[in-house]
Amino acid sequence: MLLTAATAEPEVARWMIALAVVGAINAAIAAGYYLRVVSVMYFREAEQPVEARGGRGAHAVALICAGLLVVVGCMPSGLVEQSRRARPAAIRAAGAERTASTTHDAVRREGARTHLFRLSAKPER
């Protein structure tokens, strides 16, 4: 798809082909490296047996993480509301000069039906 779009301009097509070749070489090198790591991890015997040591600390951390996962998964509204309240401060901190209202804000203000009608309406000429 990318190459067919670039074939209209011969100079661009040459660069796209070169970029594809470099990407394929990079992927082959990365696959060779990471597959070697995976093969050492899973297909070779360990030189020394590894004993699992956890103790009470690891057990406590696992229980805390599981509890947080259940609470956040079942009741995400608190975190969602905090993120909505933090959005203006994050935009100011990022250096944005103005805050544009998002599609979500427009739908919430005007109603989904009005907003969808406006999106589907054909522009006047």
PDB file of N, CA and C in Angstrom:
ATOM      1  N   MET A   1       0.828  -1.179   0.000  1.00  0.00           N
ATOM      2  CA  MET A   1       0.000   0.000   0.000  1.00  0.00           C
ATOM      3  C   MET A   1       0.878   1.251   0.000  1.00  0.00           C
ATOM      4  N   LEU A   2       1.886   1.262   0.878  1.00  0.00           N
ATOM      5  CA  LEU A   2       2.776   2.403   0.948  1.00  0.00           C
ATOM      6  C   LEU A   2       3.587   2.532  -0.327  1.00  0.00           C
ATOM      7  N   LEU A   3       4.049   1.399  -0.834  1.00  0.00           N
ATOM      8  CA  LEU A   3       4.846   1.447  -2.060  1.00  0.00           C
ATOM      9  C   LEU A   3       4.005   1.799  -3.269  1.00  0.00           C
ATOM     10  N   THR A   4       2.752   1.358  -3.316  1.00  0.00           N
ATOM     11  CA  THR A   4       1.917   1.705  -4.466  1.00  0.00           C
ATOM     12  C   THR A   4       1.592   3.186  -4.465  1.00  0.00           C
ATOM     13  N   ALA A   5       1.459   3.787  -3.294  1.00  0.00           N
ATOM     14  CA  ALA A   5       1.211   5.222  -3.237  1.00  0.00           C
ATOM     15  C   ALA A   5       2.449   6.000  -3.649  1.00  0.00           C
ATOM     16  N   ALA A   6       3.612   5.438  -3.401  1.00  0.00           N
ATOM     17  CA  ALA A   6       4.853   6.140  -3.700  1.00  0.00           C
ATOM     18  C   ALA A   6       5.299   5.956  -5.143  1.00  0.00           C
ATOM     19  N   THR A   7       4.686   5.052  -5.888  1.00  0.00           N
ATOM     20  CA  THR A   7       5.156   4.799  -7.250  1.00  0.00           C
ATOM     21  C   THR A   7       4.820   5.923  -8.209  1.00  0.00           C
ATOM     22  N   ALA A   8       3.965   6.841  -7.819  1.00  0.00           N
ATOM     23  CA  ALA A   8       3.661   7.975  -8.691  1.00  0.00           C
ATOM     24  C   ALA A   8       4.893   8.854  -8.864  1.00  0.00           C
ATOM     25  N   GLU A   9       5.710   8.972  -7.848  1.00  0.00           N
ATOM     26  CA  GLU A   9       6.944   9.746  -7.903  1.00  0.00           C
ATOM     27  C   GLU A   9       8.119   8.772  -7.886  1.00  0.00           C
ATOM     28  N   PRO A  10       8.909   8.680  -8.947  1.00  0.00           N
ATOM     29  CA  PRO A  10      10.008   7.704  -8.990  1.00  0.00           C
ATOM     30  C   PRO A  10      11.045   7.923  -7.893  1.00  0.00           C
ATOM     31  N   GLU A  11      11.344   9.175  -7.571  1.00  0.00           N
ATOM     32  CA  GLU A  11      12.346   9.453  -6.535  1.00  0.00           C
ATOM     33  C   GLU A  11      11.858   8.975  -5.174  1.00  0.00           C
ATOM     34  N   VAL A  12      10.590   9.204  -4.885  1.00  0.00           N
ATOM     35  CA  VAL A  12      10.009   8.762  -3.620  1.00  0.00           C
ATOM     36  C   VAL A  12       9.960   7.240  -3.570  1.00  0.00           C
ATOM     37  N   ALA A  13       9.641   6.613  -4.702  1.00  0.00           N
ATOM     38  CA  ALA A  13       9.569   5.152  -4.752  1.00  0.00           C
ATOM     39  C   ALA A  13      10.925   4.527  -4.447  1.00  0.00           C
ATOM     40  N   ARG A  14      12.014   5.129  -4.963  1.00  0.00           N
ATOM     41  CA  ARG A  14      13.346   4.608  -4.663  1.00  0.00           C
ATOM     42  C   ARG A  14      13.658   4.694  -3.178  1.00  0.00           C
ATOM     43  N   TRP A  15      13.304   5.791  -2.554  1.00  0.00           N
ATOM     44  CA  TRP A  15      13.559   5.930  -1.111  1.00  0.00           C
ATOM     45  C   TRP A  15      12.698   4.968  -0.304  1.00  0.00           C
ATOM     46  N   MET A  16      11.477   4.751  -0.730  1.00  0.00           N
ATOM     47  CA  MET A  16      10.602   3.818  -0.009  1.00  0.00           C
ATOM     48  C   MET A  16      11.126   2.389  -0.117  1.00  0.00           C
ATOM     49  N   ILE A  17      11.626   2.023  -1.283  1.00  0.00           N
ATOM     50  CA  ILE A  17      12.198   0.683  -1.450  1.00  0.00           C
ATOM     51  C   ILE A  17      13.447   0.535  -0.593  1.00  0.00           C
ATOM     52  N   ALA A  18      14.294   1.557  -0.575  1.00  0.00           N
ATOM     53  CA  ALA A  18      15.493   1.517   0.269  1.00  0.00           C
ATOM     54  C   ALA A  18      15.103   1.414   1.745  1.00  0.00           C
ATOM     55  N   LEU A  19      14.099   2.155   2.146  1.00  0.00           N
ATOM     56  CA  LEU A  19      13.634   2.105   3.530  1.00  0.00           C
ATOM     57  C   LEU A  19      13.080   0.720   3.869  1.00  0.00           C
ATOM     58  N   ALA A  20      12.360   0.110   2.950  1.00  0.00           N
ATOM     59  CA  ALA A  20      11.826  -1.240   3.176  1.00  0.00           C
ATOM     60  C   ALA A  20      12.949  -2.260   3.302  1.00  0.00           C
ATOM     61  N   VAL A  21      13.988  -2.133   2.500  1.00  0.00           N
ATOM     62  CA  VAL A  21      15.126  -3.056   2.566  1.00  0.00           C
ATOM     63  C   VAL A  21      15.850  -2.905   3.900  1.00  0.00           C
ATOM     64  N   VAL A  22      16.096  -1.664   4.321  1.00  0.00           N
ATOM     65  CA  VAL A  22      16.752  -1.429   5.610  1.00  0.00           C
ATOM     66  C   VAL A  22      15.895  -1.984   6.744  1.00  0.00           C
ATOM     67  N   GLY A  23      14.596  -1.794   6.658  1.00  0.00           N
ATOM     68  CA  GLY A  23      13.697  -2.332   7.686  1.00  0.00           C
ATOM     69  C   GLY A  23      13.723  -3.847   7.736  1.00  0.00           C
ATOM     70  N   ALA A  24      13.772  -4.495   6.587  1.00  0.00           N
ATOM     71  CA  ALA A  24      13.819  -5.960   6.556  1.00  0.00           C
ATOM     72  C   ALA A  24      15.134  -6.483   7.121  1.00  0.00           C
ATOM     73  N   ILE A  25      16.246  -5.821   6.805  1.00  0.00           N
ATOM     74  CA  ILE A  25      17.541  -6.230   7.368  1.00  0.00           C
ATOM     75  C   ILE A  25      17.541  -6.048   8.882  1.00  0.00           C
ATOM     76  N   ASN A  26      17.013  -4.924   9.339  1.00  0.00           N
ATOM     77  CA  ASN A  26      16.932  -4.660  10.771  1.00  0.00           C
ATOM     78  C   ASN A  26      16.083  -5.722  11.467  1.00  0.00           C
ATOM     79  N   ALA A  27      14.966  -6.089  10.873  1.00  0.00           N
ATOM     80  CA  ALA A  27      14.093  -7.109  11.475  1.00  0.00           C
ATOM     81  C   ALA A  27      14.796  -8.466  11.524  1.00  0.00           C
ATOM     82  N   ALA A  28      15.548  -8.804  10.497  1.00  0.00           N
ATOM     83  CA  ALA A  28      16.266 -10.085  10.483  1.00  0.00           C
ATOM     84  C   ALA A  28      17.342 -10.128  11.566  1.00  0.00           C
ATOM     85  N   ILE A  29      18.079  -9.036  11.725  1.00  0.00           N
ATOM     86  CA  ILE A  29      19.113  -8.983  12.763  1.00  0.00           C
ATOM     87  C   ILE A  29      18.475  -9.085  14.147  1.00  0.00           C
ATOM     88  N   ALA A  30      17.402  -8.338  14.368  1.00  0.00           N
ATOM     89  CA  ALA A  30      16.726  -8.372  15.664  1.00  0.00           C
ATOM     90  C   ALA A  30      16.151  -9.750  15.950  1.00  0.00           C
ATOM     91  N   ALA A  31      15.556 -10.385  14.947  1.00  0.00           N
ATOM     92  CA  ALA A  31      15.000 -11.723  15.147  1.00  0.00           C
ATOM     93  C   ALA A  31      16.093 -12.715  15.507  1.00  0.00           C
ATOM     94  N   GLY A  32      17.236 -12.634  14.821  1.00  0.00           N
ATOM     95  CA  GLY A  32      18.348 -13.526  15.146  1.00  0.00           C
ATOM     96  C   GLY A  32      18.828 -13.342  16.571  1.00  0.00           C
ATOM     97  N   TYR A  33      18.943 -12.103  17.008  1.00  0.00           N
ATOM     98  CA  TYR A  33      19.416 -11.828  18.368  1.00  0.00           C
ATOM     99  C   TYR A  33      18.410 -12.323  19.397  1.00  0.00           C
ATOM    100  N   TYR A  34      17.157 -11.925  19.264  1.00  0.00           N
ATOM    101  CA  TYR A  34      16.165 -12.260  20.285  1.00  0.00           C
ATOM    102  C   TYR A  34      15.790 -13.736  20.276  1.00  0.00           C
ATOM    103  N   LEU A  35      15.802 -14.376  19.135  1.00  0.00           N
ATOM    104  CA  LEU A  35      15.516 -15.807  19.119  1.00  0.00           C
ATOM    105  C   LEU A  35      16.634 -16.600  19.788  1.00  0.00           C
ATOM    106  N   ARG A  36      17.861 -16.117  19.701  1.00  0.00           N
ATOM    107  CA  ARG A  36      18.964 -16.764  20.411  1.00  0.00           C
ATOM    108  C   ARG A  36      18.752 -16.658  21.927  1.00  0.00           C
ATOM    109  N   VAL A  37      18.320 -15.499  22.398  1.00  0.00           N
ATOM    110  CA  VAL A  37      18.046 -15.311  23.832  1.00  0.00           C
ATOM    111  C   VAL A  37      16.916 -16.241  24.278  1.00  0.00           C
ATOM    112  N   VAL A  38      15.858 -16.327  23.492  1.00  0.00           N
ATOM    113  CA  VAL A  38      14.734 -17.200  23.833  1.00  0.00           C
ATOM    114  C   VAL A  38      15.177 -18.662  23.850  1.00  0.00           C
ATOM    115  N   SER A  39      16.005 -19.059  22.892  1.00  0.00           N
ATOM    116  CA  SER A  39      16.443 -20.452  22.869  1.00  0.00           C
ATOM    117  C   SER A  39      17.301 -20.790  24.087  1.00  0.00           C
ATOM    118  N   VAL A  40      18.140 -19.855  24.523  1.00  0.00           N
ATOM    119  CA  VAL A  40      18.947 -20.100  25.727  1.00  0.00           C
ATOM    120  C   VAL A  40      18.044 -20.209  26.944  1.00  0.00           C
ATOM    121  N   MET A  41      17.015 -19.379  27.016  1.00  0.00           N
ATOM    122  CA  MET A  41      16.131 -19.380  28.182  1.00  0.00           C
ATOM    123  C   MET A  41      15.306 -20.651  28.274  1.00  0.00           C
ATOM    124  N   TYR A  42      14.798 -21.140  27.160  1.00  0.00           N
ATOM    125  CA  TYR A  42      13.810 -22.215  27.212  1.00  0.00           C
ATOM    126  C   TYR A  42      14.318 -23.582  26.765  1.00  0.00           C
ATOM    127  N   PHE A  43      15.352 -23.645  25.950  1.00  0.00           N
ATOM    128  CA  PHE A  43      15.722 -24.925  25.370  1.00  0.00           C
ATOM    129  C   PHE A  43      17.041 -25.496  25.874  1.00  0.00           C
ATOM    130  N   ARG A  44      17.732 -24.796  26.736  1.00  0.00           N
ATOM    131  CA  ARG A  44      18.965 -25.319  27.321  1.00  0.00           C
ATOM    132  C   ARG A  44      18.747 -25.617  28.791  1.00  0.00           C
ATOM    133  N   GLU A  45      19.437 -26.625  29.250  1.00  0.00           N
ATOM    134  CA  GLU A  45      19.365 -26.972  30.675  1.00  0.00           C
ATOM    135  C   GLU A  45      20.117 -25.933  31.491  1.00  0.00           C
ATOM    136  N   ALA A  46      19.616 -25.665  32.680  1.00  0.00           N
ATOM    137  CA  ALA A  46      20.278 -24.708  33.560  1.00  0.00           C
ATOM    138  C   ALA A  46      21.568 -25.304  34.103  1.00  0.00           C
ATOM    139  N   GLU A  47      22.595 -24.465  34.218  1.00  0.00           N
ATOM    140  CA  GLU A  47      23.857 -24.939  34.772  1.00  0.00           C
ATOM    141  C   GLU A  47      23.719 -25.213  36.267  1.00  0.00           C
ATOM    142  N   GLN A  48      22.977 -24.381  36.933  1.00  0.00           N
ATOM    143  CA  GLN A  48      22.696 -24.566  38.356  1.00  0.00           C
ATOM    144  C   GLN A  48      21.192 -24.478  38.545  1.00  0.00           C
ATOM    145  N   PRO A  49      20.621 -25.354  39.352  1.00  0.00           N
ATOM    146  CA  PRO A  49      19.179 -25.244  39.589  1.00  0.00           C
ATOM    147  C   PRO A  49      18.860 -23.959  40.346  1.00  0.00           C
ATOM    148  N   VAL A  50      17.772 -23.331  39.955  1.00  0.00           N
ATOM    149  CA  VAL A  50      17.352 -22.074  40.578  1.00  0.00           C
ATOM    150  C   VAL A  50      16.233 -22.387  41.546  1.00  0.00           C
ATOM    151  N   GLU A  51      16.423 -21.954  42.788  1.00  0.00           N
ATOM    152  CA  GLU A  51      15.367 -22.202  43.774  1.00  0.00           C
ATOM    153  C   GLU A  51      14.521 -20.941  43.918  1.00  0.00           C
ATOM    154  N   ALA A  52      13.238 -21.137  43.967  1.00  0.00           N
ATOM    155  CA  ALA A  52      12.319 -20.018  44.090  1.00  0.00           C
ATOM    156  C   ALA A  52      12.238 -19.583  45.544  1.00  0.00           C
ATOM    157  N   ARG A  53      12.591 -18.332  45.793  1.00  0.00           N
ATOM    158  CA  ARG A  53      12.499 -17.778  47.143  1.00  0.00           C
ATOM    159  C   ARG A  53      11.574 -16.582  47.092  1.00  0.00           C
ATOM    160  N   GLY A  54      10.543 -16.618  47.859  1.00  0.00           N
ATOM    161  CA  GLY A  54       9.609 -15.506  47.864  1.00  0.00           C
ATOM    162  C   GLY A  54       9.449 -14.932  49.252  1.00  0.00           C
ATOM    163  N   GLY A  55       8.934 -15.736  50.111  1.00  0.00           N
ATOM    164  CA  GLY A  55       8.736 -15.286  51.475  1.00  0.00           C
ATOM    165  C   GLY A  55       7.481 -14.452  51.639  1.00  0.00           C
ATOM    166  N   ARG A  56       7.380 -13.869  52.813  1.00  0.00           N
ATOM    167  CA  ARG A  56       6.179 -13.087  53.140  1.00  0.00           C
ATOM    168  C   ARG A  56       6.075 -11.806  52.331  1.00  0.00           C
ATOM    169  N   GLY A  57       7.198 -11.167  52.042  1.00  0.00           N
ATOM    170  CA  GLY A  57       7.167  -9.919  51.278  1.00  0.00           C
ATOM    171  C   GLY A  57       6.592 -10.103  49.887  1.00  0.00           C
ATOM    172  N   ALA A  58       7.056 -11.125  49.192  1.00  0.00           N
ATOM    173  CA  ALA A  58       6.555 -11.388  47.846  1.00  0.00           C
ATOM    174  C   ALA A  58       5.082 -11.769  47.879  1.00  0.00           C
ATOM    175  N   HIS A  59       4.682 -12.529  48.898  1.00  0.00           N
ATOM    176  CA  HIS A  59       3.282 -12.908  49.041  1.00  0.00           C
ATOM    177  C   HIS A  59       2.418 -11.673  49.288  1.00  0.00           C
ATOM    178  N   ALA A  60       2.877 -10.767  50.140  1.00  0.00           N
ATOM    179  CA  ALA A  60       2.117  -9.550  50.444  1.00  0.00           C
ATOM    180  C   ALA A  60       1.988  -8.664  49.204  1.00  0.00           C
ATOM    181  N   VAL A  61       3.060  -8.502  48.454  1.00  0.00           N
ATOM    182  CA  VAL A  61       3.017  -7.678  47.245  1.00  0.00           C
ATOM    183  C   VAL A  61       2.074  -8.282  46.214  1.00  0.00           C
ATOM    184  N   ALA A  62       2.092  -9.598  46.062  1.00  0.00           N
ATOM    185  CA  ALA A  62       1.191 -10.253  45.115  1.00  0.00           C
ATOM    186  C   ALA A  62      -0.265 -10.045  45.516  1.00  0.00           C
ATOM    187  N   LEU A  63      -0.570 -10.133  46.801  1.00  0.00           N
ATOM    188  CA  LEU A  63      -1.944  -9.912  47.276  1.00  0.00           C
ATOM    189  C   LEU A  63      -2.376  -8.457  47.081  1.00  0.00           C
ATOM    190  N   ILE A  64      -1.474  -7.518  47.348  1.00  0.00           N
ATOM    191  CA  ILE A  64      -1.816  -6.102  47.153  1.00  0.00           C
ATOM    192  C   ILE A  64      -2.091  -5.812  45.676  1.00  0.00           C
ATOM    193  N   CYS A  65      -1.250  -6.332  44.795  1.00  0.00           N
ATOM    194  CA  CYS A  65      -1.452  -6.122  43.355  1.00  0.00           C
ATOM    195  C   CYS A  65      -2.757  -6.749  42.874  1.00  0.00           C
ATOM    196  N   ALA A  66      -3.046  -7.949  43.346  1.00  0.00           N
ATOM    197  CA  ALA A  66      -4.301  -8.601  42.952  1.00  0.00           C
ATOM    198  C   ALA A  66      -5.497  -7.805  43.456  1.00  0.00           C
ATOM    199  N   GLY A  67      -5.432  -7.310  44.681  1.00  0.00           N
ATOM    200  CA  GLY A  67      -6.523  -6.506  45.220  1.00  0.00           C
ATOM    201  C   GLY A  67      -6.725  -5.227  44.442  1.00  0.00           C
ATOM    202  N   LEU A  68      -5.644  -4.521  44.124  1.00  0.00           N
ATOM    203  CA  LEU A  68      -5.756  -3.294  43.330  1.00  0.00           C
ATOM    204  C   LEU A  68      -6.312  -3.574  41.943  1.00  0.00           C
ATOM    205  N   LEU A  69      -5.910  -4.669  41.355  1.00  0.00           N
ATOM    206  CA  LEU A  69      -6.411  -5.032  40.037  1.00  0.00           C
ATOM    207  C   LEU A  69      -7.922  -5.254  40.059  1.00  0.00           C
ATOM    208  N   VAL A  70      -8.401  -5.944  41.075  1.00  0.00           N
ATOM    209  CA  VAL A  70      -9.840  -6.196  41.184  1.00  0.00           C
ATOM    210  C   VAL A  70     -10.593  -4.895  41.429  1.00  0.00           C
ATOM    211  N   VAL A  71     -10.089  -4.048  42.340  1.00  0.00           N
ATOM    212  CA  VAL A  71     -10.782  -2.796  42.660  1.00  0.00           C
ATOM    213  C   VAL A  71     -10.814  -1.870  41.454  1.00  0.00           C
ATOM    214  N   VAL A  72      -9.698  -1.676  40.797  1.00  0.00           N
ATOM    215  CA  VAL A  72      -9.655  -0.774  39.640  1.00  0.00           C
ATOM    216  C   VAL A  72     -10.448  -1.354  38.478  1.00  0.00           C
ATOM    217  N   GLY A  73     -10.416  -2.654  38.308  1.00  0.00           N
ATOM    218  CA  GLY A  73     -11.173  -3.273  37.218  1.00  0.00           C
ATOM    219  C   GLY A  73     -12.673  -3.207  37.416  1.00  0.00           C
ATOM    220  N   CYS A  74     -13.125  -3.318  38.657  1.00  0.00           N
ATOM    221  CA  CYS A  74     -14.564  -3.309  38.919  1.00  0.00           C
ATOM    222  C   CYS A  74     -15.125  -1.906  39.109  1.00  0.00           C
ATOM    223  N   MET A  75     -14.299  -0.971  39.578  1.00  0.00           N
ATOM    224  CA  MET A  75     -14.782   0.389  39.823  1.00  0.00           C
ATOM    225  C   MET A  75     -13.793   1.411  39.268  1.00  0.00           C
ATOM    226  N   PRO A  76     -13.726   1.564  37.953  1.00  0.00           N
ATOM    227  CA  PRO A  76     -12.744   2.485  37.379  1.00  0.00           C
ATOM    228  C   PRO A  76     -13.174   3.944  37.406  1.00  0.00           C
ATOM    229  N   SER A  77     -14.403   4.243  37.832  1.00  0.00           N
ATOM    230  CA  SER A  77     -14.910   5.607  37.723  1.00  0.00           C
ATOM    231  C   SER A  77     -14.084   6.611  38.523  1.00  0.00           C
ATOM    232  N   GLY A  78     -13.533   6.218  39.657  1.00  0.00           N
ATOM    233  CA  GLY A  78     -12.723   7.140  40.444  1.00  0.00           C
ATOM    234  C   GLY A  78     -11.477   7.583  39.698  1.00  0.00           C
ATOM    235  N   LEU A  79     -10.787   6.644  39.079  1.00  0.00           N
ATOM    236  CA  LEU A  79      -9.585   6.994  38.315  1.00  0.00           C
ATOM    237  C   LEU A  79      -9.929   7.777  37.052  1.00  0.00           C
ATOM    238  N   VAL A  80     -11.042   7.450  36.428  1.00  0.00           N
ATOM    239  CA  VAL A  80     -11.449   8.170  35.217  1.00  0.00           C
ATOM    240  C   VAL A  80     -11.757   9.619  35.564  1.00  0.00           C
ATOM    241  N   GLU A  81     -12.460   9.836  36.668  1.00  0.00           N
ATOM    242  CA  GLU A  81     -12.798  11.199  37.076  1.00  0.00           C
ATOM    243  C   GLU A  81     -11.544  11.984  37.446  1.00  0.00           C
ATOM    244  N   GLN A  82     -10.604  11.367  38.130  1.00  0.00           N
ATOM    245  CA  GLN A  82      -9.356  12.047  38.466  1.00  0.00           C
ATOM    246  C   GLN A  82      -8.571  12.413  37.209  1.00  0.00           C
ATOM    247  N   SER A  83      -8.574  11.543  36.216  1.00  0.00           N
ATOM    248  CA  SER A  83      -7.857  11.861  34.982  1.00  0.00           C
ATOM    249  C   SER A  83      -8.535  12.994  34.223  1.00  0.00           C
ATOM    250  N   ARG A  84      -9.866  13.064  34.271  1.00  0.00           N
ATOM    251  CA  ARG A  84     -10.570  14.189  33.631  1.00  0.00           C
ATOM    252  C   ARG A  84     -10.229  15.504  34.319  1.00  0.00           C
ATOM    253  N   ARG A  85     -10.160  15.484  35.656  1.00  0.00           N
ATOM    254  CA  ARG A  85      -9.826  16.703  36.382  1.00  0.00           C
ATOM    255  C   ARG A  85      -8.374  17.104  36.167  1.00  0.00           C
ATOM    256  N   ALA A  86      -7.496  16.155  35.928  1.00  0.00           N
ATOM    257  CA  ALA A  86      -6.081  16.450  35.748  1.00  0.00           C
ATOM    258  C   ALA A  86      -5.753  16.905  34.333  1.00  0.00           C
ATOM    259  N   ARG A  87      -6.646  16.695  33.394  1.00  0.00           N
ATOM    260  CA  ARG A  87      -6.374  17.013  31.996  1.00  0.00           C
ATOM    261  C   ARG A  87      -5.985  18.472  31.768  1.00  0.00           C
ATOM    262  N   PRO A  88      -6.726  19.465  32.302  1.00  0.00           N
ATOM    263  CA  PRO A  88      -6.319  20.855  32.048  1.00  0.00           C
ATOM    264  C   PRO A  88      -4.917  21.176  32.570  1.00  0.00           C
ATOM    265  N   ALA A  89      -4.584  20.674  33.739  1.00  0.00           N
ATOM    266  CA  ALA A  89      -3.252  20.928  34.287  1.00  0.00           C
ATOM    267  C   ALA A  89      -2.179  20.255  33.437  1.00  0.00           C
ATOM    268  N   ALA A  90      -2.463  19.072  32.924  1.00  0.00           N
ATOM    269  CA  ALA A  90      -1.493  18.382  32.082  1.00  0.00           C
ATOM    270  C   ALA A  90      -1.286  19.127  30.771  1.00  0.00           C
ATOM    271  N   ILE A  91      -2.345  19.685  30.227  1.00  0.00           N
ATOM    272  CA  ILE A  91      -2.230  20.442  28.986  1.00  0.00           C
ATOM    273  C   ILE A  91      -1.416  21.708  29.222  1.00  0.00           C
ATOM    274  N   ARG A  92      -1.673  22.393  30.344  1.00  0.00           N
ATOM    275  CA  ARG A  92      -0.875  23.588  30.665  1.00  0.00           C
ATOM    276  C   ARG A  92       0.585  23.221  30.870  1.00  0.00           C
ATOM    277  N   ALA A  93       0.837  22.108  31.545  1.00  0.00           N
ATOM    278  CA  ALA A  93       2.211  21.691  31.801  1.00  0.00           C
ATOM    279  C   ALA A  93       2.929  21.312  30.509  1.00  0.00           C
ATOM    280  N   ALA A  94       2.188  20.819  29.536  1.00  0.00           N
ATOM    281  CA  ALA A  94       2.793  20.437  28.265  1.00  0.00           C
ATOM    282  C   ALA A  94       3.052  21.645  27.378  1.00  0.00           C
ATOM    283  N   GLY A  95       2.547  22.792  27.772  1.00  0.00           N
ATOM    284  CA  GLY A  95       2.813  24.001  27.013  1.00  0.00           C
ATOM    285  C   GLY A  95       1.781  24.307  25.949  1.00  0.00           C
ATOM    286  N   ALA A  96       0.638  23.664  26.006  1.00  0.00           N
ATOM    287  CA  ALA A  96      -0.406  23.959  25.029  1.00  0.00           C
ATOM    288  C   ALA A  96      -0.981  25.338  25.327  1.00  0.00           C
ATOM    289  N   GLU A  97      -1.202  26.134  24.300  1.00  0.00           N
ATOM    290  CA  GLU A  97      -1.669  27.492  24.514  1.00  0.00           C
ATOM    291  C   GLU A  97      -3.175  27.582  24.630  1.00  0.00           C
ATOM    292  N   ARG A  98      -3.870  26.660  24.045  1.00  0.00           N
ATOM    293  CA  ARG A  98      -5.337  26.688  24.165  1.00  0.00           C
ATOM    294  C   ARG A  98      -5.843  25.268  24.264  1.00  0.00           C
ATOM    295  N   THR A  99      -6.957  25.114  24.898  1.00  0.00           N
ATOM    296  CA  THR A  99      -7.540  23.784  25.018  1.00  0.00           C
ATOM    297  C   THR A  99      -8.750  23.712  24.100  1.00  0.00           C
ATOM    298  N   ALA A 100      -8.688  22.805  23.166  1.00  0.00           N
ATOM    299  CA  ALA A 100      -9.800  22.595  22.257  1.00  0.00           C
ATOM    300  C   ALA A 100     -10.747  21.585  22.880  1.00  0.00           C
ATOM    301  N   SER A 101     -12.028  21.785  22.689  1.00  0.00           N
ATOM    302  CA  SER A 101     -12.971  20.819  23.234  1.00  0.00           C
ATOM    303  C   SER A 101     -12.930  19.567  22.374  1.00  0.00           C
ATOM    304  N   THR A 102     -12.925  18.437  23.028  1.00  0.00           N
ATOM    305  CA  THR A 102     -12.808  17.169  22.323  1.00  0.00           C
ATOM    306  C   THR A 102     -14.167  16.706  21.842  1.00  0.00           C
ATOM    307  N   THR A 103     -14.148  15.676  21.039  1.00  0.00           N
ATOM    308  CA  THR A 103     -15.393  15.107  20.558  1.00  0.00           C
ATOM    309  C   THR A 103     -16.239  14.617  21.718  1.00  0.00           C
ATOM    310  N   HIS A 104     -15.574  14.047  22.726  1.00  0.00           N
ATOM    311  CA  HIS A 104     -16.317  13.557  23.886  1.00  0.00           C
ATOM    312  C   HIS A 104     -17.032  14.702  24.593  1.00  0.00           C
ATOM    313  N   ASP A 105     -16.366  15.843  24.757  1.00  0.00           N
ATOM    314  CA  ASP A 105     -16.984  16.987  25.412  1.00  0.00           C
ATOM    315  C   ASP A 105     -18.169  17.503  24.599  1.00  0.00           C
ATOM    316  N   ALA A 106     -18.024  17.531  23.274  1.00  0.00           N
ATOM    317  CA  ALA A 106     -19.115  18.005  22.421  1.00  0.00           C
ATOM    318  C   ALA A 106     -20.318  17.077  22.509  1.00  0.00           C
ATOM    319  N   VAL A 107     -20.065  15.778  22.520  1.00  0.00           N
ATOM    320  CA  VAL A 107     -21.164  14.823  22.638  1.00  0.00           C
ATOM    321  C   VAL A 107     -21.851  14.979  23.979  1.00  0.00           C
ATOM    322  N   ARG A 108     -21.081  15.175  25.035  1.00  0.00           N
ATOM    323  CA  ARG A 108     -21.668  15.308  26.365  1.00  0.00           C
ATOM    324  C   ARG A 108     -22.500  16.585  26.471  1.00  0.00           C
ATOM    325  N   ARG A 109     -22.056  17.696  25.831  1.00  0.00           N
ATOM    326  CA  ARG A 109     -22.797  18.953  25.920  1.00  0.00           C
ATOM    327  C   ARG A 109     -24.055  18.939  25.067  1.00  0.00           C
ATOM    328  N   GLU A 110     -23.941  18.479  23.832  1.00  0.00           N
ATOM    329  CA  GLU A 110     -25.031  18.635  22.891  1.00  0.00           C
ATOM    330  C   GLU A 110     -25.869  17.387  22.683  1.00  0.00           C
ATOM    331  N   GLY A 111     -25.405  16.283  23.150  1.00  0.00           N
ATOM    332  CA  GLY A 111     -26.134  15.042  22.940  1.00  0.00           C
ATOM    333  C   GLY A 111     -25.581  14.292  21.747  1.00  0.00           C
ATOM    334  N   ALA A 112     -25.568  12.991  21.852  1.00  0.00           N
ATOM    335  CA  ALA A 112     -24.955  12.161  20.820  1.00  0.00           C
ATOM    336  C   ALA A 112     -25.688  12.273  19.491  1.00  0.00           C
ATOM    337  N   ARG A 113     -27.017  12.347  19.529  1.00  0.00           N
ATOM    338  CA  ARG A 113     -27.780  12.374  18.285  1.00  0.00           C
ATOM    339  C   ARG A 113     -27.463  13.631  17.470  1.00  0.00           C
ATOM    340  N   THR A 114     -27.416  14.796  18.123  1.00  0.00           N
ATOM    341  CA  THR A 114     -27.107  16.042  17.417  1.00  0.00           C
ATOM    342  C   THR A 114     -25.704  15.988  16.840  1.00  0.00           C
ATOM    343  N   HIS A 115     -24.759  15.476  17.605  1.00  0.00           N
ATOM    344  CA  HIS A 115     -23.376  15.428  17.150  1.00  0.00           C
ATOM    345  C   HIS A 115     -23.225  14.460  15.976  1.00  0.00           C
ATOM    346  N   LEU A 116     -23.855  13.300  16.050  1.00  0.00           N
ATOM    347  CA  LEU A 116     -23.768  12.343  14.955  1.00  0.00           C
ATOM    348  C   LEU A 116     -24.428  12.886  13.698  1.00  0.00           C
ATOM    349  N   PHE A 117     -25.543  13.643  13.852  1.00  0.00           N
ATOM    350  CA  PHE A 117     -26.192  14.239  12.696  1.00  0.00           C
ATOM    351  C   PHE A 117     -25.254  15.236  12.032  1.00  0.00           C
ATOM    352  N   ARG A 118     -24.547  16.029  12.846  1.00  0.00           N
ATOM    353  CA  ARG A 118     -23.637  17.015  12.300  1.00  0.00           C
ATOM    354  C   ARG A 118     -22.480  16.343  11.571  1.00  0.00           C
ATOM    355  N   LEU A 119     -22.013  15.205  12.099  1.00  0.00           N
ATOM    356  CA  LEU A 119     -20.910  14.495  11.449  1.00  0.00           C
ATOM    357  C   LEU A 119     -21.339  13.883  10.122  1.00  0.00           C
ATOM    358  N   SER A 120     -22.591  13.423  10.052  1.00  0.00           N
ATOM    359  CA  SER A 120     -23.043  12.749   8.839  1.00  0.00           C
ATOM    360  C   SER A 120     -23.597  13.703   7.788  1.00  0.00           C
ATOM    361  N   ALA A 121     -23.855  14.946   8.172  1.00  0.00           N
ATOM    362  CA  ALA A 121     -24.420  15.908   7.216  1.00  0.00           C
ATOM    363  C   ALA A 121     -23.394  16.280   6.179  1.00  0.00           C
ATOM    364  N   LYS A 122     -23.869  16.444   4.947  1.00  0.00           N
ATOM    365  CA  LYS A 122     -22.970  16.828   3.862  1.00  0.00           C
ATOM    366  C   LYS A 122     -22.734  18.350   3.925  1.00  0.00           C
ATOM    367  N   PRO A 123     -21.519  18.768   3.667  1.00  0.00           N
ATOM    368  CA  PRO A 123     -21.253  20.221   3.700  1.00  0.00           C
ATOM    369  C   PRO A 123     -21.979  20.930   2.560  1.00  0.00           C
ATOM    370  N   GLU A 124     -22.431  22.153   2.865  1.00  0.00           N
ATOM    371  CA  GLU A 124     -23.124  22.945   1.852  1.00  0.00           C
ATOM    372  C   GLU A 124     -22.111  23.565   0.922  1.00  0.00           C
ATOM    373  N   ARG A 125     -22.509  23.718  -0.337  1.00  0.00           N
ATOM    374  CA  ARG A 125     -21.584  24.288  -1.326  1.00  0.00           C
ATOM    375  C   ARG A 125     -22.025  25.658  -1.725  1.00  0.00           C
TER     376      ARG A 125
END
